[in-house]
Amino acid sequence: MVSRFTDQVVLVTGGSSGIGRTTALAFAGEGAVVVVAGRDGGRLRQTVGLIEAEGGRADHVVADLAVAAEVESMVRAAVERHGGLHVAFNNAGVLGAAAPTADLAEDDWHRVITTNLTGTWLSMKHEIAHMRAHGGGVIVNMASNIGAHGRRPGLAAYAASKAAVSALTRTAARDHIGEGVRINAVSPGGTDTEMSRRPGETDAERDRRAAGTVPLGRVGRTAEVAAAVLWLASAESAFTVGHDLVVDGGATA
């Protein structure tokens, strides 16, 4: 078995479910010490338990990425508890309420932008501060195929936030590659998570709907997105800087 992250400390935000949980398990399976972070301590502990049940090493930190002091504490806790920070996957995000742009509530707009964009920037701010002072590191940000690559009616705040994450990633990558910090993004399409289902929709109904818009004929699997993240985080992609990797079955091809 390939172990690309042996003894590396990896921070995964939004690690309590979905793509974040699957990716945390994948990193741990390749030898990393994984710190999962988010707002739900109970679900984070479940992720830790799943990793430990498979013989991996994991920890959790409760933090709200919309609160600057909590983001700083999150990164500091990972470093102090485990001796460093080598990789960060800034995955936490929200979809927000669906509404036409002119009808979107101001509070909903601010919640999506603050969580998805400001939370990613705050995370990078403190991750980079540690990495550049300790020999470098790798960051992968969660963008989306909705935003820079495609649009969908009713998701103005989400599209704006994720397009901005893509642009932020590229800018930060140019800013910090000279300091040994390599930064990229991943942009999944519809994936088999809670976020991909409409209210009251079953998995089967979601998959039938996706078949009409995704050339591959289905939604993605969380393991497929995790595989892309691990590649971007690994030495195999050492010459990949400022890239936004789309993983969406051809939906925005």
C-alpha atoms as a PDB file:
ATOM      1  CA  MET A   1       0.000   0.000   0.000  1.00  0.00           C
ATOM      2  CA  VAL A   2       1.237   3.460  -0.904  1.00  0.00           C
ATOM      3  CA  SER A   3       1.742   5.728   2.116  1.00  0.00           C
ATOM      4  CA  ARG A   4       2.327   9.193   0.705  1.00  0.00           C
ATOM      5  CA  PHE A   5       1.717  11.022   3.997  1.00  0.00           C
ATOM      6  CA  THR A   6       3.519   8.953   6.610  1.00  0.00           C
ATOM      7  CA  ASP A   7       3.845  10.952   9.864  1.00  0.00           C
ATOM      8  CA  GLN A   8       2.629  14.169   8.222  1.00  0.00           C
ATOM      9  CA  VAL A   9       0.127  16.278  10.154  1.00  0.00           C
ATOM     10  CA  VAL A  10      -2.942  17.002   8.036  1.00  0.00           C
ATOM     11  CA  LEU A  11      -5.733  19.420   8.972  1.00  0.00           C
ATOM     12  CA  VAL A  12      -9.166  18.847   7.393  1.00  0.00           C
ATOM     13  CA  THR A  13     -11.874  21.450   8.008  1.00  0.00           C
ATOM     14  CA  GLY A  14     -15.450  20.321   7.627  1.00  0.00           C
ATOM     15  CA  GLY A  15     -14.262  16.869   8.612  1.00  0.00           C
ATOM     16  CA  SER A  16     -17.469  15.739  10.299  1.00  0.00           C
ATOM     17  CA  SER A  17     -19.183  14.297   7.218  1.00  0.00           C
ATOM     18  CA  GLY A  18     -19.245  13.939   3.455  1.00  0.00           C
ATOM     19  CA  ILE A  19     -16.153  14.745   1.415  1.00  0.00           C
ATOM     20  CA  GLY A  20     -14.305  15.993   4.500  1.00  0.00           C
ATOM     21  CA  ARG A  21     -14.799  12.751   6.422  1.00  0.00           C
ATOM     22  CA  THR A  22     -13.925  10.551   3.450  1.00  0.00           C
ATOM     23  CA  THR A  23     -10.791  12.584   2.744  1.00  0.00           C
ATOM     24  CA  ALA A  24      -9.741  12.492   6.395  1.00  0.00           C
ATOM     25  CA  LEU A  25     -10.029   8.700   6.338  1.00  0.00           C
ATOM     26  CA  ALA A  26      -8.020   8.567   3.110  1.00  0.00           C
ATOM     27  CA  PHE A  27      -5.203  10.701   4.519  1.00  0.00           C
ATOM     28  CA  ALA A  28      -5.088   8.574   7.673  1.00  0.00           C
ATOM     29  CA  GLY A  29      -5.023   5.445   5.550  1.00  0.00           C
ATOM     30  CA  GLU A  30      -1.820   6.718   3.965  1.00  0.00           C
ATOM     31  CA  GLY A  31      -0.043   7.326   7.241  1.00  0.00           C
ATOM     32  CA  ALA A  32      -1.025  10.880   8.204  1.00  0.00           C
ATOM     33  CA  VAL A  33      -1.950  12.162  11.631  1.00  0.00           C
ATOM     34  CA  VAL A  34      -5.279  13.796  10.803  1.00  0.00           C
ATOM     35  CA  VAL A  35      -6.870  16.670  12.711  1.00  0.00           C
ATOM     36  CA  VAL A  36     -10.510  17.203  11.746  1.00  0.00           C
ATOM     37  CA  ALA A  37     -12.159  20.519  12.531  1.00  0.00           C
ATOM     38  CA  GLY A  38     -15.662  21.950  12.445  1.00  0.00           C
ATOM     39  CA  ARG A  39     -18.542  23.103  14.609  1.00  0.00           C
ATOM     40  CA  ASP A  40     -20.099  19.744  15.556  1.00  0.00           C
ATOM     41  CA  GLY A  41     -17.903  18.085  18.163  1.00  0.00           C
ATOM     42  CA  GLY A  42     -19.988  14.928  18.269  1.00  0.00           C
ATOM     43  CA  ARG A  43     -19.704  14.256  14.552  1.00  0.00           C
ATOM     44  CA  LEU A  44     -16.018  15.139  14.560  1.00  0.00           C
ATOM     45  CA  ARG A  45     -15.474  12.532  17.280  1.00  0.00           C
ATOM     46  CA  GLN A  46     -17.293  10.024  15.063  1.00  0.00           C
ATOM     47  CA  THR A  47     -14.784  10.720  12.286  1.00  0.00           C
ATOM     48  CA  VAL A  48     -11.919  10.266  14.734  1.00  0.00           C
ATOM     49  CA  GLY A  49     -13.454   6.984  15.867  1.00  0.00           C
ATOM     50  CA  LEU A  50     -13.741   5.710  12.292  1.00  0.00           C
ATOM     51  CA  ILE A  51     -10.088   6.537  11.643  1.00  0.00           C
ATOM     52  CA  GLU A  52      -8.912   4.905  14.863  1.00  0.00           C
ATOM     53  CA  ALA A  53     -11.005   1.809  14.148  1.00  0.00           C
ATOM     54  CA  GLU A  54      -8.950   1.353  10.978  1.00  0.00           C
ATOM     55  CA  GLY A  55      -5.685   1.757  12.890  1.00  0.00           C
ATOM     56  CA  GLY A  56      -5.128   5.400  12.008  1.00  0.00           C
ATOM     57  CA  ARG A  57      -4.255   8.411  14.144  1.00  0.00           C
ATOM     58  CA  ALA A  58      -6.644  11.320  14.491  1.00  0.00           C
ATOM     59  CA  ASP A  59      -7.718  14.229  16.650  1.00  0.00           C
ATOM     60  CA  HIS A  60     -10.424  16.882  16.465  1.00  0.00           C
ATOM     61  CA  VAL A  61     -10.790  20.595  17.136  1.00  0.00           C
ATOM     62  CA  VAL A  62     -14.135  22.361  17.473  1.00  0.00           C
ATOM     63  CA  ALA A  63     -14.005  25.673  15.607  1.00  0.00           C
ATOM     64  CA  ASP A  64     -16.324  28.031  13.739  1.00  0.00           C
ATOM     65  CA  LEU A  65     -14.495  29.201  10.618  1.00  0.00           C
ATOM     66  CA  ALA A  66     -16.527  32.400  10.609  1.00  0.00           C
ATOM     67  CA  VAL A  67     -14.812  33.465  13.851  1.00  0.00           C
ATOM     68  CA  ALA A  68     -11.235  34.649  13.319  1.00  0.00           C
ATOM     69  CA  ALA A  69     -10.036  33.833  16.842  1.00  0.00           C
ATOM     70  CA  GLU A  70     -11.356  30.275  16.575  1.00  0.00           C
ATOM     71  CA  VAL A  71      -9.584  29.718  13.257  1.00  0.00           C
ATOM     72  CA  GLU A  72      -6.309  30.893  14.748  1.00  0.00           C
ATOM     73  CA  SER A  73      -6.838  28.608  17.750  1.00  0.00           C
ATOM     74  CA  MET A  74      -7.667  25.688  15.436  1.00  0.00           C
ATOM     75  CA  VAL A  75      -4.356  25.903  13.606  1.00  0.00           C
ATOM     76  CA  ARG A  76      -2.425  26.500  16.815  1.00  0.00           C
ATOM     77  CA  ALA A  77      -4.025  23.453  18.451  1.00  0.00           C
ATOM     78  CA  ALA A  78      -3.092  21.199  15.531  1.00  0.00           C
ATOM     79  CA  VAL A  79       0.513  22.402  15.662  1.00  0.00           C
ATOM     80  CA  GLU A  80       0.909  22.281  19.439  1.00  0.00           C
ATOM     81  CA  ARG A  81      -0.684  18.866  19.857  1.00  0.00           C
ATOM     82  CA  HIS A  82       1.098  17.151  16.973  1.00  0.00           C
ATOM     83  CA  GLY A  83       4.295  19.079  16.379  1.00  0.00           C
ATOM     84  CA  GLY A  84       3.594  20.736  13.063  1.00  0.00           C
ATOM     85  CA  LEU A  85       1.297  21.172  10.079  1.00  0.00           C
ATOM     86  CA  HIS A  86       2.257  19.782   6.687  1.00  0.00           C
ATOM     87  CA  VAL A  87      -1.027  19.681   4.749  1.00  0.00           C
ATOM     88  CA  ALA A  88      -4.349  21.495   5.057  1.00  0.00           C
ATOM     89  CA  PHE A  89      -7.580  20.708   3.232  1.00  0.00           C
ATOM     90  CA  ASN A  90      -9.882  23.712   3.660  1.00  0.00           C
ATOM     91  CA  ASN A  91     -13.109  21.912   2.931  1.00  0.00           C
ATOM     92  CA  ALA A  92     -15.747  23.455   5.218  1.00  0.00           C
ATOM     93  CA  GLY A  93     -18.604  25.199   3.448  1.00  0.00           C
ATOM     94  CA  VAL A  94     -22.342  25.707   3.164  1.00  0.00           C
ATOM     95  CA  LEU A  95     -24.706  25.757   0.186  1.00  0.00           C
ATOM     96  CA  GLY A  96     -27.113  28.338   1.591  1.00  0.00           C
ATOM     97  CA  ALA A  97     -30.760  28.974   0.804  1.00  0.00           C
ATOM     98  CA  ALA A  98     -31.805  28.790  -2.841  1.00  0.00           C
ATOM     99  CA  ALA A  99     -33.415  31.985  -4.131  1.00  0.00           C
ATOM    100  CA  PRO A 100     -33.220  34.281  -7.153  1.00  0.00           C
ATOM    101  CA  THR A 101     -30.463  36.833  -6.738  1.00  0.00           C
ATOM    102  CA  ALA A 102     -32.806  39.761  -6.059  1.00  0.00           C
ATOM    103  CA  ASP A 103     -34.770  37.761  -3.489  1.00  0.00           C
ATOM    104  CA  LEU A 104     -31.823  36.442  -1.495  1.00  0.00           C
ATOM    105  CA  ALA A 105     -31.955  37.507   2.148  1.00  0.00           C
ATOM    106  CA  GLU A 106     -29.011  39.613   3.275  1.00  0.00           C
ATOM    107  CA  ASP A 107     -28.340  37.317   6.230  1.00  0.00           C
ATOM    108  CA  ASP A 108     -28.193  34.289   3.917  1.00  0.00           C
ATOM    109  CA  TRP A 109     -25.748  36.099   1.618  1.00  0.00           C
ATOM    110  CA  HIS A 110     -23.431  37.007   4.489  1.00  0.00           C
ATOM    111  CA  ARG A 111     -23.563  33.497   5.989  1.00  0.00           C
ATOM    112  CA  VAL A 112     -22.476  31.838   2.733  1.00  0.00           C
ATOM    113  CA  ILE A 113     -19.777  34.385   1.898  1.00  0.00           C
ATOM    114  CA  THR A 114     -18.422  34.398   5.456  1.00  0.00           C
ATOM    115  CA  THR A 115     -18.251  30.616   5.757  1.00  0.00           C
ATOM    116  CA  ASN A 116     -17.086  29.698   2.270  1.00  0.00           C
ATOM    117  CA  LEU A 117     -14.826  32.602   1.358  1.00  0.00           C
ATOM    118  CA  THR A 118     -13.764  34.396   4.524  1.00  0.00           C
ATOM    119  CA  GLY A 119     -13.406  31.088   6.376  1.00  0.00           C
ATOM    120  CA  THR A 120     -11.110  29.768   3.649  1.00  0.00           C
ATOM    121  CA  TRP A 121      -9.025  32.963   3.703  1.00  0.00           C
ATOM    122  CA  LEU A 122      -8.744  32.926   7.503  1.00  0.00           C
ATOM    123  CA  SER A 123      -7.713  29.278   7.441  1.00  0.00           C
ATOM    124  CA  MET A 124      -5.046  29.933   4.834  1.00  0.00           C
ATOM    125  CA  LYS A 125      -3.816  33.012   6.682  1.00  0.00           C
ATOM    126  CA  HIS A 126      -2.895  31.005   9.763  1.00  0.00           C
ATOM    127  CA  GLU A 127      -1.869  27.817   7.957  1.00  0.00           C
ATOM    128  CA  ILE A 128       0.541  29.731   5.711  1.00  0.00           C
ATOM    129  CA  ALA A 129       1.967  31.655   8.671  1.00  0.00           C
ATOM    130  CA  HIS A 130       3.045  28.361  10.230  1.00  0.00           C
ATOM    131  CA  MET A 131       4.091  26.602   7.031  1.00  0.00           C
ATOM    132  CA  ARG A 132       6.339  29.313   5.645  1.00  0.00           C
ATOM    133  CA  ALA A 133       8.153  29.530   8.972  1.00  0.00           C
ATOM    134  CA  HIS A 134       8.703  25.758   9.124  1.00  0.00           C
ATOM    135  CA  GLY A 135       9.931  24.700   5.721  1.00  0.00           C
ATOM    136  CA  GLY A 136       6.730  24.884   3.676  1.00  0.00           C
ATOM    137  CA  GLY A 137       3.584  22.852   3.218  1.00  0.00           C
ATOM    138  CA  VAL A 138       0.635  22.145   0.958  1.00  0.00           C
ATOM    139  CA  ILE A 139      -2.892  23.574   0.974  1.00  0.00           C
ATOM    140  CA  VAL A 140      -5.920  22.370  -0.989  1.00  0.00           C
ATOM    141  CA  ASN A 141      -9.034  24.557  -0.970  1.00  0.00           C
ATOM    142  CA  MET A 142     -12.566  23.384  -1.674  1.00  0.00           C
ATOM    143  CA  ALA A 143     -14.063  25.332  -4.558  1.00  0.00           C
ATOM    144  CA  SER A 144     -16.898  23.979  -6.753  1.00  0.00           C
ATOM    145  CA  ASN A 145     -17.898  23.471 -10.360  1.00  0.00           C
ATOM    146  CA  ILE A 146     -20.612  26.026  -9.523  1.00  0.00           C
ATOM    147  CA  GLY A 147     -18.869  29.385  -9.652  1.00  0.00           C
ATOM    148  CA  ALA A 148     -15.846  29.822 -11.894  1.00  0.00           C
ATOM    149  CA  HIS A 149     -16.799  26.859 -14.097  1.00  0.00           C
ATOM    150  CA  GLY A 150     -20.610  26.889 -14.246  1.00  0.00           C
ATOM    151  CA  ARG A 151     -23.657  28.571 -12.825  1.00  0.00           C
ATOM    152  CA  ARG A 152     -27.011  27.408 -11.522  1.00  0.00           C
ATOM    153  CA  PRO A 153     -30.123  29.553 -10.976  1.00  0.00           C
ATOM    154  CA  GLY A 154     -30.881  30.339  -7.340  1.00  0.00           C
ATOM    155  CA  LEU A 155     -27.355  29.868  -6.010  1.00  0.00           C
ATOM    156  CA  ALA A 156     -25.875  33.348  -6.444  1.00  0.00           C
ATOM    157  CA  ALA A 157     -24.169  33.516  -3.060  1.00  0.00           C
ATOM    158  CA  TYR A 158     -22.722  30.023  -3.345  1.00  0.00           C
ATOM    159  CA  ALA A 159     -21.501  30.596  -6.908  1.00  0.00           C
ATOM    160  CA  ALA A 160     -19.954  33.930  -5.962  1.00  0.00           C
ATOM    161  CA  SER A 161     -18.227  32.467  -2.907  1.00  0.00           C
ATOM    162  CA  LYS A 162     -16.784  29.477  -4.761  1.00  0.00           C
ATOM    163  CA  ALA A 163     -15.652  31.508  -7.771  1.00  0.00           C
ATOM    164  CA  ALA A 164     -13.898  33.761  -5.287  1.00  0.00           C
ATOM    165  CA  VAL A 165     -12.253  30.759  -3.591  1.00  0.00           C
ATOM    166  CA  SER A 166     -10.882  29.726  -6.987  1.00  0.00           C
ATOM    167  CA  ALA A 167      -9.465  33.206  -7.600  1.00  0.00           C
ATOM    168  CA  LEU A 168      -8.177  33.445  -4.035  1.00  0.00           C
ATOM    169  CA  THR A 169      -6.425  30.098  -4.428  1.00  0.00           C
ATOM    170  CA  ARG A 170      -4.633  31.164  -7.591  1.00  0.00           C
ATOM    171  CA  THR A 171      -3.552  34.476  -6.083  1.00  0.00           C
ATOM    172  CA  ALA A 172      -2.344  32.906  -2.842  1.00  0.00           C
ATOM    173  CA  ALA A 173      -0.477  30.268  -4.824  1.00  0.00           C
ATOM    174  CA  ARG A 174       1.497  32.964  -6.644  1.00  0.00           C
ATOM    175  CA  ASP A 175       2.047  34.886  -3.407  1.00  0.00           C
ATOM    176  CA  HIS A 176       3.484  32.002  -1.404  1.00  0.00           C
ATOM    177  CA  ILE A 177       5.047  29.353  -3.660  1.00  0.00           C
ATOM    178  CA  GLY A 178       8.372  31.142  -3.264  1.00  0.00           C
ATOM    179  CA  GLU A 179       8.090  30.511   0.477  1.00  0.00           C
ATOM    180  CA  GLY A 180       7.568  26.782  -0.022  1.00  0.00           C
ATOM    181  CA  VAL A 181       3.774  26.765   0.384  1.00  0.00           C
ATOM    182  CA  ARG A 182       2.037  25.086  -2.565  1.00  0.00           C
ATOM    183  CA  ILE A 183      -1.671  25.896  -2.958  1.00  0.00           C
ATOM    184  CA  ASN A 184      -4.345  24.442  -5.258  1.00  0.00           C
ATOM    185  CA  ALA A 185      -8.105  23.922  -5.298  1.00  0.00           C
ATOM    186  CA  VAL A 186     -10.509  21.128  -6.145  1.00  0.00           C
ATOM    187  CA  SER A 187     -13.918  21.799  -7.730  1.00  0.00           C
ATOM    188  CA  PRO A 188     -16.337  18.878  -7.430  1.00  0.00           C
ATOM    189  CA  GLY A 189     -19.678  18.657  -9.122  1.00  0.00           C
ATOM    190  CA  GLY A 190     -22.654  16.950  -7.534  1.00  0.00           C
ATOM    191  CA  THR A 191     -21.358  14.333  -5.099  1.00  0.00           C
ATOM    192  CA  ASP A 192     -23.060  11.724  -2.942  1.00  0.00           C
ATOM    193  CA  THR A 193     -23.413  13.938   0.124  1.00  0.00           C
ATOM    194  CA  GLU A 194     -26.332  15.524   1.949  1.00  0.00           C
ATOM    195  CA  MET A 195     -25.681  18.797   0.102  1.00  0.00           C
ATOM    196  CA  SER A 196     -26.387  17.171  -3.275  1.00  0.00           C
ATOM    197  CA  ARG A 197     -29.971  16.209  -2.432  1.00  0.00           C
ATOM    198  CA  ARG A 198     -32.914  18.559  -2.773  1.00  0.00           C
ATOM    199  CA  PRO A 199     -35.356  18.683   0.176  1.00  0.00           C
ATOM    200  CA  GLY A 200     -37.219  15.392   0.408  1.00  0.00           C
ATOM    201  CA  GLU A 201     -35.249  13.841  -2.454  1.00  0.00           C
ATOM    202  CA  THR A 202     -33.958  10.269  -2.216  1.00  0.00           C
ATOM    203  CA  ASP A 203     -30.545   9.178  -3.422  1.00  0.00           C
ATOM    204  CA  ALA A 204     -32.157   7.350  -6.333  1.00  0.00           C
ATOM    205  CA  GLU A 205     -34.137  10.427  -7.362  1.00  0.00           C
ATOM    206  CA  ARG A 206     -31.011  12.573  -7.136  1.00  0.00           C
ATOM    207  CA  ASP A 207     -29.065  10.147  -9.307  1.00  0.00           C
ATOM    208  CA  ARG A 208     -31.794  10.121 -11.961  1.00  0.00           C
ATOM    209  CA  ARG A 209     -31.813  13.923 -11.978  1.00  0.00           C
ATOM    210  CA  ALA A 210     -28.025  14.054 -12.251  1.00  0.00           C
ATOM    211  CA  ALA A 211     -28.061  11.671 -15.204  1.00  0.00           C
ATOM    212  CA  GLY A 212     -29.769  14.380 -17.267  1.00  0.00           C
ATOM    213  CA  THR A 213     -26.994  16.942 -16.781  1.00  0.00           C
ATOM    214  CA  VAL A 214     -23.804  14.971 -16.112  1.00  0.00           C
ATOM    215  CA  PRO A 215     -22.268  13.333 -19.211  1.00  0.00           C
ATOM    216  CA  LEU A 216     -20.900  10.503 -17.087  1.00  0.00           C
ATOM    217  CA  GLY A 217     -24.473   9.775 -16.009  1.00  0.00           C
ATOM    218  CA  ARG A 218     -24.227   9.961 -12.218  1.00  0.00           C
ATOM    219  CA  VAL A 219     -23.101  12.037  -9.255  1.00  0.00           C
ATOM    220  CA  GLY A 220     -19.550  11.694  -8.022  1.00  0.00           C
ATOM    221  CA  ARG A 221     -18.445   9.561  -5.106  1.00  0.00           C
ATOM    222  CA  THR A 222     -16.800  11.181  -2.109  1.00  0.00           C
ATOM    223  CA  ALA A 223     -13.868   8.789  -2.560  1.00  0.00           C
ATOM    224  CA  GLU A 224     -13.304  10.146  -6.078  1.00  0.00           C
ATOM    225  CA  VAL A 225     -13.018  13.695  -4.765  1.00  0.00           C
ATOM    226  CA  ALA A 226     -10.782  12.512  -1.925  1.00  0.00           C
ATOM    227  CA  ALA A 227      -8.464  10.868  -4.454  1.00  0.00           C
ATOM    228  CA  ALA A 228      -8.106  14.200  -6.276  1.00  0.00           C
ATOM    229  CA  VAL A 229      -7.378  16.027  -3.019  1.00  0.00           C
ATOM    230  CA  LEU A 230      -4.717  13.519  -1.996  1.00  0.00           C
ATOM    231  CA  TRP A 231      -3.048  13.812  -5.385  1.00  0.00           C
ATOM    232  CA  LEU A 232      -2.953  17.608  -5.118  1.00  0.00           C
ATOM    233  CA  ALA A 233      -1.548  17.284  -1.585  1.00  0.00           C
ATOM    234  CA  SER A 234       1.106  14.741  -2.519  1.00  0.00           C
ATOM    235  CA  ALA A 235       4.587  15.005  -3.981  1.00  0.00           C
ATOM    236  CA  GLU A 236       3.179  13.509  -7.183  1.00  0.00           C
ATOM    237  CA  SER A 237       1.741  16.946  -8.024  1.00  0.00           C
ATOM    238  CA  ALA A 238       4.840  18.903  -7.006  1.00  0.00           C
ATOM    239  CA  PHE A 239       4.803  20.978 -10.220  1.00  0.00           C
ATOM    240  CA  THR A 240       1.086  21.819  -9.911  1.00  0.00           C
ATOM    241  CA  VAL A 241       0.644  25.314  -8.472  1.00  0.00           C
ATOM    242  CA  GLY A 242      -2.455  27.508  -8.483  1.00  0.00           C
ATOM    243  CA  HIS A 243      -4.583  24.915 -10.265  1.00  0.00           C
ATOM    244  CA  ASP A 244      -8.338  24.416  -9.833  1.00  0.00           C
ATOM    245  CA  LEU A 245      -9.008  20.732 -10.530  1.00  0.00           C
ATOM    246  CA  VAL A 246     -12.576  20.088 -11.721  1.00  0.00           C
ATOM    247  CA  VAL A 247     -14.022  16.698 -10.741  1.00  0.00           C
ATOM    248  CA  ASP A 248     -17.578  16.707 -12.089  1.00  0.00           C
ATOM    249  CA  GLY A 249     -18.108  13.900 -14.587  1.00  0.00           C
ATOM    250  CA  GLY A 250     -17.939  16.297 -17.511  1.00  0.00           C
ATOM    251  CA  ALA A 251     -20.777  18.569 -16.381  1.00  0.00           C
ATOM    252  CA  THR A 252     -18.839  21.750 -17.146  1.00  0.00           C
ATOM    253  CA  ALA A 253     -16.594  20.343 -19.884  1.00  0.00           C
END
